[in-house]
Amino acid sequence: MQTRWIGDREVSAIGLGGMPMSIEGRPDEQRSVATIHAALDAGVTLIDTADSYHRDANEVGHNESLIAGALASYGGDTSGVLIATKGGHLRPGDGSWTQNGDPAYVKQACEASLKRLGVEAIGLYQFHRPDPRVPFADSVGALRELLDEGKIVRAGISNANPAQIRQAREILGEDLVSVQNQFSPAFRSSEPELELCNELGLAFLPWSPLGGISRAAGLGDRFAVYAEIGAAHGVSPQQVCLAWMLAKAPAVVPIPGSSRPETIRDSVAAASLTLGAEELGRLDAA
């Protein structure tokens, strides 16, 4: 498995995004646990979750608890696995998403995540989404306090723009190690954030990195190039997509969501796929 860095922590170049295992349409717990175990077997050492990855209002932290249980039941060594979780985003239970960036709430959410994950300190804690009602600096300041209190080891932000990344860097210094934004073939507006992260030495974690690839087989569709290049290499369009992302910058660590063992195994294989310059150019232009 190719590796990359999140701050001072070396992780697998492909992580596992846990959200599909806990929101609407989720599989049964047995299949989810099998998916997490398959990821670990394949060498994944980064698992991304959040307290808001749940379906019903009374099950906040469903995904965190699921991951903690799967790690506990895994037969091998999990000490090298970095669990990255998030706080500041909420799901009332009606399918909607809301924000609460109040510093007191962010700290309270972190405390609850610590208990669900069963750890003394969270390896990577991320402020999930800016709250327009709360100054961004105040929300990020809660991460500074959590770092100083030893409750988190590293800090990250999510769904942030370049100005917010720079502001967070001023507040957190070298303890800011990552930015998690949406980035995929269908959603490329986070290119400036990706470039800034590479410039600052921050890990860039694309969420929903495979967006658009399900349409890759459509005749004449602009995403068909992923299927064409995949066919030439004998691999899936999804692998091509992740390999393209890895080639964009050393800062990129994709976290494809998965709820089946076979899909995370396929995603992990992208770390060993090398694309040529002409192929990368075609993908950039798609």
C-alpha atoms as a PDB file:
ATOM      1  CA  MET A   1       0.000   0.000   0.000  1.00  0.00           C
ATOM      2  CA  GLN A   2       1.299   3.411  -0.971  1.00  0.00           C
ATOM      3  CA  THR A   3       1.352   5.806   1.995  1.00  0.00           C
ATOM      4  CA  ARG A   4       0.953   9.529   2.555  1.00  0.00           C
ATOM      5  CA  TRP A   5       1.177  11.895   5.501  1.00  0.00           C
ATOM      6  CA  ILE A   6      -1.370  13.690   7.659  1.00  0.00           C
ATOM      7  CA  GLY A   7       0.841  15.914   9.757  1.00  0.00           C
ATOM      8  CA  ASP A   8       3.334  13.622  11.470  1.00  0.00           C
ATOM      9  CA  ARG A   9       1.196  10.536  10.909  1.00  0.00           C
ATOM     10  CA  GLU A  10       1.811   8.179   7.985  1.00  0.00           C
ATOM     11  CA  VAL A  11      -1.412   6.661   6.606  1.00  0.00           C
ATOM     12  CA  SER A  12      -2.545   4.574   3.668  1.00  0.00           C
ATOM     13  CA  ALA A  13      -2.912   6.596   0.469  1.00  0.00           C
ATOM     14  CA  ILE A  14      -6.552   5.512   0.266  1.00  0.00           C
ATOM     15  CA  GLY A  15      -8.767   5.820   3.329  1.00  0.00           C
ATOM     16  CA  LEU A  16     -12.233   4.514   4.121  1.00  0.00           C
ATOM     17  CA  GLY A  17     -15.182   6.882   4.424  1.00  0.00           C
ATOM     18  CA  GLY A  18     -17.713   5.510   6.879  1.00  0.00           C
ATOM     19  CA  MET A  19     -20.810   7.583   6.099  1.00  0.00           C
ATOM     20  CA  PRO A  20     -22.633   5.115   3.763  1.00  0.00           C
ATOM     21  CA  MET A  21     -22.665   2.544   6.555  1.00  0.00           C
ATOM     22  CA  SER A  22     -24.806   4.714   8.829  1.00  0.00           C
ATOM     23  CA  ILE A  23     -27.144   7.041   6.927  1.00  0.00           C
ATOM     24  CA  GLU A  24     -30.241   6.344   4.823  1.00  0.00           C
ATOM     25  CA  GLY A  25     -29.988   3.156   2.767  1.00  0.00           C
ATOM     26  CA  ARG A  26     -27.336   1.706   5.048  1.00  0.00           C
ATOM     27  CA  PRO A  27     -26.657  -2.033   5.070  1.00  0.00           C
ATOM     28  CA  ASP A  28     -27.052  -4.345   8.034  1.00  0.00           C
ATOM     29  CA  GLU A  29     -24.354  -4.145  10.683  1.00  0.00           C
ATOM     30  CA  GLN A  30     -22.779  -7.468   9.722  1.00  0.00           C
ATOM     31  CA  ARG A  31     -22.004  -6.244   6.207  1.00  0.00           C
ATOM     32  CA  SER A  32     -20.676  -2.936   7.515  1.00  0.00           C
ATOM     33  CA  VAL A  33     -18.319  -4.676   9.920  1.00  0.00           C
ATOM     34  CA  ALA A  34     -17.170  -6.950   7.095  1.00  0.00           C
ATOM     35  CA  THR A  35     -16.460  -3.842   5.009  1.00  0.00           C
ATOM     36  CA  ILE A  36     -14.333  -2.290   7.744  1.00  0.00           C
ATOM     37  CA  HIS A  37     -12.469  -5.567   8.273  1.00  0.00           C
ATOM     38  CA  ALA A  38     -11.873  -5.859   4.505  1.00  0.00           C
ATOM     39  CA  ALA A  39     -10.389  -2.361   4.512  1.00  0.00           C
ATOM     40  CA  LEU A  40      -8.056  -3.263   7.364  1.00  0.00           C
ATOM     41  CA  ASP A  41      -7.053  -6.486   5.608  1.00  0.00           C
ATOM     42  CA  ALA A  42      -6.209  -4.447   2.503  1.00  0.00           C
ATOM     43  CA  GLY A  43      -3.901  -2.141   4.451  1.00  0.00           C
ATOM     44  CA  VAL A  44      -6.167   0.852   5.066  1.00  0.00           C
ATOM     45  CA  THR A  45      -4.930   2.830   8.075  1.00  0.00           C
ATOM     46  CA  LEU A  46      -7.220   5.881   7.808  1.00  0.00           C
ATOM     47  CA  ILE A  47     -10.931   5.676   8.594  1.00  0.00           C
ATOM     48  CA  ASP A  48     -13.035   8.827   8.408  1.00  0.00           C
ATOM     49  CA  THR A  49     -16.242   9.225  10.392  1.00  0.00           C
ATOM     50  CA  ALA A  50     -18.349  11.896  12.151  1.00  0.00           C
ATOM     51  CA  ASP A  51     -20.844  12.102  14.985  1.00  0.00           C
ATOM     52  CA  SER A  52     -23.471  13.200  12.430  1.00  0.00           C
ATOM     53  CA  TYR A  53     -23.192  10.020  10.377  1.00  0.00           C
ATOM     54  CA  HIS A  54     -26.454   8.518  11.542  1.00  0.00           C
ATOM     55  CA  ARG A  55     -30.020   8.180  10.295  1.00  0.00           C
ATOM     56  CA  ASP A  56     -32.370   8.582  13.253  1.00  0.00           C
ATOM     57  CA  ALA A  57     -32.404  11.422  15.761  1.00  0.00           C
ATOM     58  CA  ASN A  58     -31.782   9.106  18.715  1.00  0.00           C
ATOM     59  CA  GLU A  59     -28.602   7.489  17.348  1.00  0.00           C
ATOM     60  CA  VAL A  60     -26.065  10.310  17.177  1.00  0.00           C
ATOM     61  CA  GLY A  61     -22.613   8.837  16.665  1.00  0.00           C
ATOM     62  CA  HIS A  62     -23.899   5.621  15.037  1.00  0.00           C
ATOM     63  CA  ASN A  63     -20.933   5.439  12.681  1.00  0.00           C
ATOM     64  CA  GLU A  64     -18.367   6.149  15.383  1.00  0.00           C
ATOM     65  CA  SER A  65     -19.775   3.346  17.527  1.00  0.00           C
ATOM     66  CA  LEU A  66     -19.888   1.007  14.531  1.00  0.00           C
ATOM     67  CA  ILE A  67     -16.233   1.646  13.710  1.00  0.00           C
ATOM     68  CA  ALA A  68     -15.138   1.283  17.330  1.00  0.00           C
ATOM     69  CA  GLY A  69     -16.907  -2.076  17.532  1.00  0.00           C
ATOM     70  CA  ALA A  70     -15.445  -3.283  14.240  1.00  0.00           C
ATOM     71  CA  LEU A  71     -11.922  -2.409  15.358  1.00  0.00           C
ATOM     72  CA  ALA A  72     -12.468  -4.218  18.647  1.00  0.00           C
ATOM     73  CA  SER A  73     -13.657  -7.372  16.865  1.00  0.00           C
ATOM     74  CA  TYR A  74     -10.883  -7.375  14.279  1.00  0.00           C
ATOM     75  CA  GLY A  75      -8.410 -10.170  14.757  1.00  0.00           C
ATOM     76  CA  GLY A  76      -5.300  -8.203  13.839  1.00  0.00           C
ATOM     77  CA  ASP A  77      -3.356  -5.239  15.163  1.00  0.00           C
ATOM     78  CA  THR A  78      -5.236  -1.934  14.797  1.00  0.00           C
ATOM     79  CA  SER A  79      -2.814   0.284  16.716  1.00  0.00           C
ATOM     80  CA  GLY A  80      -1.633   1.887  13.461  1.00  0.00           C
ATOM     81  CA  VAL A  81      -5.119   2.950  12.361  1.00  0.00           C
ATOM     82  CA  LEU A  82      -5.907   6.673  12.467  1.00  0.00           C
ATOM     83  CA  ILE A  83      -9.563   7.372  13.191  1.00  0.00           C
ATOM     84  CA  ALA A  84     -10.572  10.824  11.966  1.00  0.00           C
ATOM     85  CA  THR A  85     -13.883  12.118  13.236  1.00  0.00           C
ATOM     86  CA  LYS A  86     -15.736  15.416  13.042  1.00  0.00           C
ATOM     87  CA  GLY A  87     -18.079  17.651  15.031  1.00  0.00           C
ATOM     88  CA  GLY A  88     -20.196  20.714  14.368  1.00  0.00           C
ATOM     89  CA  HIS A  89     -22.641  19.194  11.879  1.00  0.00           C
ATOM     90  CA  LEU A  90     -25.984  17.758  13.031  1.00  0.00           C
ATOM     91  CA  ARG A  91     -28.793  15.595  11.660  1.00  0.00           C
ATOM     92  CA  PRO A  92     -32.177  16.241  13.297  1.00  0.00           C
ATOM     93  CA  GLY A  93     -33.481  12.889  12.025  1.00  0.00           C
ATOM     94  CA  ASP A  94     -35.610  14.156   9.143  1.00  0.00           C
ATOM     95  CA  GLY A  95     -32.874  13.718   6.533  1.00  0.00           C
ATOM     96  CA  SER A  96     -31.649  17.311   6.798  1.00  0.00           C
ATOM     97  CA  TRP A  97     -28.257  18.625   7.911  1.00  0.00           C
ATOM     98  CA  THR A  98     -27.737  21.606  10.221  1.00  0.00           C
ATOM     99  CA  GLN A  99     -24.705  23.307  11.792  1.00  0.00           C
ATOM    100  CA  ASN A 100     -23.647  24.257  15.303  1.00  0.00           C
ATOM    101  CA  GLY A 101     -20.258  25.920  15.438  1.00  0.00           C
ATOM    102  CA  ASP A 102     -20.629  27.259  18.963  1.00  0.00           C
ATOM    103  CA  PRO A 103     -17.292  26.556  20.680  1.00  0.00           C
ATOM    104  CA  ALA A 104     -18.985  25.052  23.730  1.00  0.00           C
ATOM    105  CA  TYR A 105     -20.953  22.695  21.514  1.00  0.00           C
ATOM    106  CA  VAL A 106     -17.879  21.657  19.497  1.00  0.00           C
ATOM    107  CA  LYS A 107     -16.074  20.777  22.726  1.00  0.00           C
ATOM    108  CA  GLN A 108     -19.119  18.902  24.031  1.00  0.00           C
ATOM    109  CA  ALA A 109     -19.365  16.964  20.762  1.00  0.00           C
ATOM    110  CA  CYS A 110     -15.698  16.011  21.018  1.00  0.00           C
ATOM    111  CA  GLU A 111     -16.209  14.686  24.547  1.00  0.00           C
ATOM    112  CA  ALA A 112     -19.055  12.473  23.320  1.00  0.00           C
ATOM    113  CA  SER A 113     -16.942  11.210  20.401  1.00  0.00           C
ATOM    114  CA  LEU A 114     -14.122  10.316  22.789  1.00  0.00           C
ATOM    115  CA  LYS A 115     -16.490   8.081  24.744  1.00  0.00           C
ATOM    116  CA  ARG A 116     -17.978   6.406  21.682  1.00  0.00           C
ATOM    117  CA  LEU A 117     -14.553   5.710  20.176  1.00  0.00           C
ATOM    118  CA  GLY A 118     -13.202   4.521  23.509  1.00  0.00           C
ATOM    119  CA  VAL A 119      -9.976   6.511  23.320  1.00  0.00           C
ATOM    120  CA  GLU A 120      -8.206   9.000  25.563  1.00  0.00           C
ATOM    121  CA  ALA A 121      -7.405  11.335  22.662  1.00  0.00           C
ATOM    122  CA  ILE A 122      -8.788  11.511  19.117  1.00  0.00           C
ATOM    123  CA  GLY A 123      -6.072  11.135  16.485  1.00  0.00           C
ATOM    124  CA  LEU A 124      -7.628  13.654  14.082  1.00  0.00           C
ATOM    125  CA  TYR A 125     -10.585  15.829  15.043  1.00  0.00           C
ATOM    126  CA  GLN A 126     -12.126  18.032  12.359  1.00  0.00           C
ATOM    127  CA  PHE A 127     -14.533  20.961  12.533  1.00  0.00           C
ATOM    128  CA  HIS A 128     -17.174  19.606  10.176  1.00  0.00           C
ATOM    129  CA  ARG A 129     -18.728  22.659   8.533  1.00  0.00           C
ATOM    130  CA  PRO A 130     -18.618  26.438   9.118  1.00  0.00           C
ATOM    131  CA  ASP A 131     -21.694  27.795  10.889  1.00  0.00           C
ATOM    132  CA  PRO A 132     -22.783  31.147   9.387  1.00  0.00           C
ATOM    133  CA  ARG A 133     -24.122  32.196  12.804  1.00  0.00           C
ATOM    134  CA  VAL A 134     -20.756  31.783  14.561  1.00  0.00           C
ATOM    135  CA  PRO A 135     -17.442  33.467  13.708  1.00  0.00           C
ATOM    136  CA  PHE A 136     -15.222  30.848  12.102  1.00  0.00           C
ATOM    137  CA  ALA A 137     -12.316  31.849  14.339  1.00  0.00           C
ATOM    138  CA  ASP A 138     -14.404  31.077  17.421  1.00  0.00           C
ATOM    139  CA  SER A 139     -15.262  27.586  16.175  1.00  0.00           C
ATOM    140  CA  VAL A 140     -11.657  26.833  15.284  1.00  0.00           C
ATOM    141  CA  GLY A 141     -10.632  28.231  18.649  1.00  0.00           C
ATOM    142  CA  ALA A 142     -12.451  25.295  20.233  1.00  0.00           C
ATOM    143  CA  LEU A 143     -10.023  22.976  18.410  1.00  0.00           C
ATOM    144  CA  ARG A 144      -7.145  24.959  19.877  1.00  0.00           C
ATOM    145  CA  GLU A 145      -8.546  24.391  23.367  1.00  0.00           C
ATOM    146  CA  LEU A 146      -9.083  20.679  22.711  1.00  0.00           C
ATOM    147  CA  LEU A 147      -5.473  20.371  21.540  1.00  0.00           C
ATOM    148  CA  ASP A 148      -4.202  22.192  24.614  1.00  0.00           C
ATOM    149  CA  GLU A 149      -6.288  19.932  26.855  1.00  0.00           C
ATOM    150  CA  GLY A 150      -4.849  16.808  25.203  1.00  0.00           C
ATOM    151  CA  LYS A 151      -8.233  15.558  24.030  1.00  0.00           C
ATOM    152  CA  ILE A 152      -7.237  15.597  20.381  1.00  0.00           C
ATOM    153  CA  VAL A 153      -3.832  14.947  18.821  1.00  0.00           C
ATOM    154  CA  ARG A 154      -4.282  16.713  15.484  1.00  0.00           C
ATOM    155  CA  ALA A 155      -6.827  19.175  14.105  1.00  0.00           C
ATOM    156  CA  GLY A 156      -8.517  19.499  10.736  1.00  0.00           C
ATOM    157  CA  ILE A 157     -11.252  21.528   9.094  1.00  0.00           C
ATOM    158  CA  SER A 158     -13.840  20.511   6.532  1.00  0.00           C
ATOM    159  CA  ASN A 159     -15.853  22.313   3.841  1.00  0.00           C
ATOM    160  CA  ALA A 160     -13.558  25.343   4.095  1.00  0.00           C
ATOM    161  CA  ASN A 161     -12.505  27.961   1.557  1.00  0.00           C
ATOM    162  CA  PRO A 162      -8.929  29.280   1.110  1.00  0.00           C
ATOM    163  CA  ALA A 163      -9.443  32.253   3.430  1.00  0.00           C
ATOM    164  CA  GLN A 164     -10.773  29.964   6.159  1.00  0.00           C
ATOM    165  CA  ILE A 165      -7.862  27.568   5.686  1.00  0.00           C
ATOM    166  CA  ARG A 166      -5.393  30.402   6.161  1.00  0.00           C
ATOM    167  CA  GLN A 167      -7.310  31.685   9.182  1.00  0.00           C
ATOM    168  CA  ALA A 168      -7.346  28.239  10.764  1.00  0.00           C
ATOM    169  CA  ARG A 169      -3.612  27.931  10.122  1.00  0.00           C
ATOM    170  CA  GLU A 170      -3.038  31.212  11.994  1.00  0.00           C
ATOM    171  CA  ILE A 171      -5.013  29.924  14.982  1.00  0.00           C
ATOM    172  CA  LEU A 172      -3.777  26.330  15.065  1.00  0.00           C
ATOM    173  CA  GLY A 173      -0.305  26.604  13.573  1.00  0.00           C
ATOM    174  CA  GLU A 174       1.340  23.259  12.808  1.00  0.00           C
ATOM    175  CA  ASP A 175      -1.454  21.445  14.644  1.00  0.00           C
ATOM    176  CA  LEU A 176      -3.705  22.055  11.631  1.00  0.00           C
ATOM    177  CA  VAL A 177      -2.891  19.049   9.468  1.00  0.00           C
ATOM    178  CA  SER A 178      -5.790  18.525   7.064  1.00  0.00           C
ATOM    179  CA  VAL A 179      -8.670  19.946   5.058  1.00  0.00           C
ATOM    180  CA  GLN A 180     -11.585  17.761   3.994  1.00  0.00           C
ATOM    181  CA  ASN A 181     -13.617  19.158   1.081  1.00  0.00           C
ATOM    182  CA  GLN A 182     -15.837  17.712  -1.595  1.00  0.00           C
ATOM    183  CA  PHE A 183     -13.816  16.943  -4.718  1.00  0.00           C
ATOM    184  CA  SER A 184     -14.627  14.566  -7.562  1.00  0.00           C
ATOM    185  CA  PRO A 185     -14.933  14.397 -11.355  1.00  0.00           C
ATOM    186  CA  ALA A 186     -18.381  15.964 -10.989  1.00  0.00           C
ATOM    187  CA  PHE A 187     -17.332  18.555  -8.377  1.00  0.00           C
ATOM    188  CA  ARG A 188     -14.029  20.300  -9.030  1.00  0.00           C
ATOM    189  CA  SER A 189     -14.594  23.694  -7.436  1.00  0.00           C
ATOM    190  CA  SER A 190     -12.239  22.770  -4.573  1.00  0.00           C
ATOM    191  CA  GLU A 191      -9.163  22.866  -6.857  1.00  0.00           C
ATOM    192  CA  PRO A 192      -7.952  26.120  -5.166  1.00  0.00           C
ATOM    193  CA  GLU A 193      -8.200  24.492  -1.726  1.00  0.00           C
ATOM    194  CA  LEU A 194      -6.334  21.417  -2.962  1.00  0.00           C
ATOM    195  CA  GLU A 195      -3.543  23.595  -4.370  1.00  0.00           C
ATOM    196  CA  LEU A 196      -3.342  25.647  -1.165  1.00  0.00           C
ATOM    197  CA  CYS A 197      -3.102  22.505   0.955  1.00  0.00           C
ATOM    198  CA  ASN A 198      -0.253  21.232  -1.194  1.00  0.00           C
ATOM    199  CA  GLU A 199       1.475  24.608  -0.810  1.00  0.00           C
ATOM    200  CA  LEU A 200       1.050  24.659   2.985  1.00  0.00           C
ATOM    201  CA  GLY A 201       1.876  20.990   3.547  1.00  0.00           C
ATOM    202  CA  LEU A 202      -1.645  20.090   4.657  1.00  0.00           C
ATOM    203  CA  ALA A 203      -3.338  16.836   3.732  1.00  0.00           C
ATOM    204  CA  PHE A 204      -6.310  17.294   1.410  1.00  0.00           C
ATOM    205  CA  LEU A 205      -9.000  14.667   2.012  1.00  0.00           C
ATOM    206  CA  PRO A 206     -11.540  14.593  -0.844  1.00  0.00           C
ATOM    207  CA  TRP A 207     -14.970  13.489   0.367  1.00  0.00           C
ATOM    208  CA  SER A 208     -17.318  11.811  -2.102  1.00  0.00           C
ATOM    209  CA  PRO A 209     -14.346  11.403  -4.469  1.00  0.00           C
ATOM    210  CA  LEU A 210     -16.195   9.096  -6.868  1.00  0.00           C
ATOM    211  CA  GLY A 211     -18.995  11.537  -7.702  1.00  0.00           C
ATOM    212  CA  GLY A 212     -19.991  11.195 -11.357  1.00  0.00           C
ATOM    213  CA  ILE A 213     -18.213   7.904 -11.952  1.00  0.00           C
ATOM    214  CA  SER A 214     -21.425   5.864 -11.799  1.00  0.00           C
ATOM    215  CA  ARG A 215     -22.339   7.562 -15.082  1.00  0.00           C
ATOM    216  CA  ALA A 216     -19.010   6.718 -16.698  1.00  0.00           C
ATOM    217  CA  ALA A 217     -20.474   4.120 -19.028  1.00  0.00           C
ATOM    218  CA  GLY A 218     -22.942   6.575 -20.600  1.00  0.00           C
ATOM    219  CA  LEU A 219     -22.344   6.970 -24.337  1.00  0.00           C
ATOM    220  CA  GLY A 220     -20.983  10.445 -24.991  1.00  0.00           C
ATOM    221  CA  ASP A 221     -20.954  11.331 -21.300  1.00  0.00           C
ATOM    222  CA  ARG A 222     -17.988  13.466 -20.285  1.00  0.00           C
ATOM    223  CA  PHE A 223     -17.135  10.902 -17.609  1.00  0.00           C
ATOM    224  CA  ALA A 224     -16.804   8.105 -20.185  1.00  0.00           C
ATOM    225  CA  VAL A 225     -13.049   8.731 -20.315  1.00  0.00           C
ATOM    226  CA  TYR A 226     -12.741   7.075 -16.898  1.00  0.00           C
ATOM    227  CA  ALA A 227     -14.332   3.915 -18.236  1.00  0.00           C
ATOM    228  CA  GLU A 228     -12.217   4.005 -21.399  1.00  0.00           C
ATOM    229  CA  ILE A 229      -8.944   4.352 -19.510  1.00  0.00           C
ATOM    230  CA  GLY A 230     -10.093   1.746 -16.991  1.00  0.00           C
ATOM    231  CA  ALA A 231     -10.796  -0.722 -19.796  1.00  0.00           C
ATOM    232  CA  ALA A 232      -7.307  -0.150 -21.197  1.00  0.00           C
ATOM    233  CA  HIS A 233      -5.795  -1.060 -17.815  1.00  0.00           C
ATOM    234  CA  GLY A 234      -8.294  -3.786 -16.984  1.00  0.00           C
ATOM    235  CA  VAL A 235      -9.563  -1.915 -13.925  1.00  0.00           C
ATOM    236  CA  SER A 236     -12.728  -0.112 -12.853  1.00  0.00           C
ATOM    237  CA  PRO A 237     -13.490   3.564 -13.636  1.00  0.00           C
ATOM    238  CA  GLN A 238     -13.459   4.115  -9.863  1.00  0.00           C
ATOM    239  CA  GLN A 239      -9.842   2.991  -9.640  1.00  0.00           C
ATOM    240  CA  VAL A 240      -8.925   5.350 -12.452  1.00  0.00           C
ATOM    241  CA  CYS A 241     -10.620   8.224 -10.644  1.00  0.00           C
ATOM    242  CA  LEU A 242      -8.744   7.628  -7.390  1.00  0.00           C
ATOM    243  CA  ALA A 243      -5.421   7.149  -9.178  1.00  0.00           C
ATOM    244  CA  TRP A 244      -6.006  10.458 -10.985  1.00  0.00           C
ATOM    245  CA  MET A 245      -6.573  12.175  -7.647  1.00  0.00           C
ATOM    246  CA  LEU A 246      -3.449  10.674  -6.104  1.00  0.00           C
ATOM    247  CA  ALA A 247      -1.431  11.931  -9.074  1.00  0.00           C
ATOM    248  CA  LYS A 248      -2.653  15.502  -8.636  1.00  0.00           C
ATOM    249  CA  ALA A 249      -0.572  16.218  -5.524  1.00  0.00           C
ATOM    250  CA  PRO A 250       1.218  14.450  -2.650  1.00  0.00           C
ATOM    251  CA  ALA A 251      -1.245  16.148  -0.296  1.00  0.00           C
ATOM    252  CA  VAL A 252      -4.248  14.194  -1.603  1.00  0.00           C
ATOM    253  CA  VAL A 253      -5.614  11.296   0.473  1.00  0.00           C
ATOM    254  CA  PRO A 254      -9.005  10.211  -0.939  1.00  0.00           C
ATOM    255  CA  ILE A 255     -11.563   8.750   1.476  1.00  0.00           C
ATOM    256  CA  PRO A 256     -14.114   6.927  -0.713  1.00  0.00           C
ATOM    257  CA  GLY A 257     -17.236   5.906   1.143  1.00  0.00           C
ATOM    258  CA  SER A 258     -18.035   2.223   1.049  1.00  0.00           C
ATOM    259  CA  SER A 259     -20.542  -0.214   2.483  1.00  0.00           C
ATOM    260  CA  ARG A 260     -19.394  -3.406   0.723  1.00  0.00           C
ATOM    261  CA  PRO A 261     -16.123  -5.315   1.133  1.00  0.00           C
ATOM    262  CA  GLU A 262     -15.677  -5.607  -2.622  1.00  0.00           C
ATOM    263  CA  THR A 263     -15.914  -1.849  -3.235  1.00  0.00           C
ATOM    264  CA  ILE A 264     -13.294  -0.869  -0.668  1.00  0.00           C
ATOM    265  CA  ARG A 265     -10.968  -3.574  -1.999  1.00  0.00           C
ATOM    266  CA  ASP A 266     -11.394  -2.131  -5.485  1.00  0.00           C
ATOM    267  CA  SER A 267     -10.726   1.404  -4.225  1.00  0.00           C
ATOM    268  CA  VAL A 268      -7.562   0.377  -2.385  1.00  0.00           C
ATOM    269  CA  ALA A 269      -6.152  -1.127  -5.576  1.00  0.00           C
ATOM    270  CA  ALA A 270      -6.031   2.382  -7.066  1.00  0.00           C
ATOM    271  CA  ALA A 271      -2.942   3.087  -4.976  1.00  0.00           C
ATOM    272  CA  SER A 272      -0.941   0.760  -7.220  1.00  0.00           C
ATOM    273  CA  LEU A 273      -2.349   2.041 -10.537  1.00  0.00           C
ATOM    274  CA  THR A 274       0.012   4.290 -12.501  1.00  0.00           C
ATOM    275  CA  LEU A 275      -1.499   6.479 -15.205  1.00  0.00           C
ATOM    276  CA  GLY A 276       0.473   8.003 -18.058  1.00  0.00           C
ATOM    277  CA  ALA A 277       0.809  11.724 -18.696  1.00  0.00           C
ATOM    278  CA  GLU A 278      -1.532  11.580 -21.692  1.00  0.00           C
ATOM    279  CA  GLU A 279      -4.164   9.752 -19.650  1.00  0.00           C
ATOM    280  CA  LEU A 280      -3.891  12.255 -16.786  1.00  0.00           C
ATOM    281  CA  GLY A 281      -4.268  15.087 -19.268  1.00  0.00           C
ATOM    282  CA  ARG A 282      -7.445  13.571 -20.671  1.00  0.00           C
ATOM    283  CA  LEU A 283      -8.855  13.164 -17.176  1.00  0.00           C
ATOM    284  CA  ASP A 284      -7.965  16.742 -16.237  1.00  0.00           C
ATOM    285  CA  ALA A 285      -9.793  17.957 -19.326  1.00  0.00           C
ATOM    286  CA  ALA A 286     -12.891  15.782 -18.859  1.00  0.00           C
END
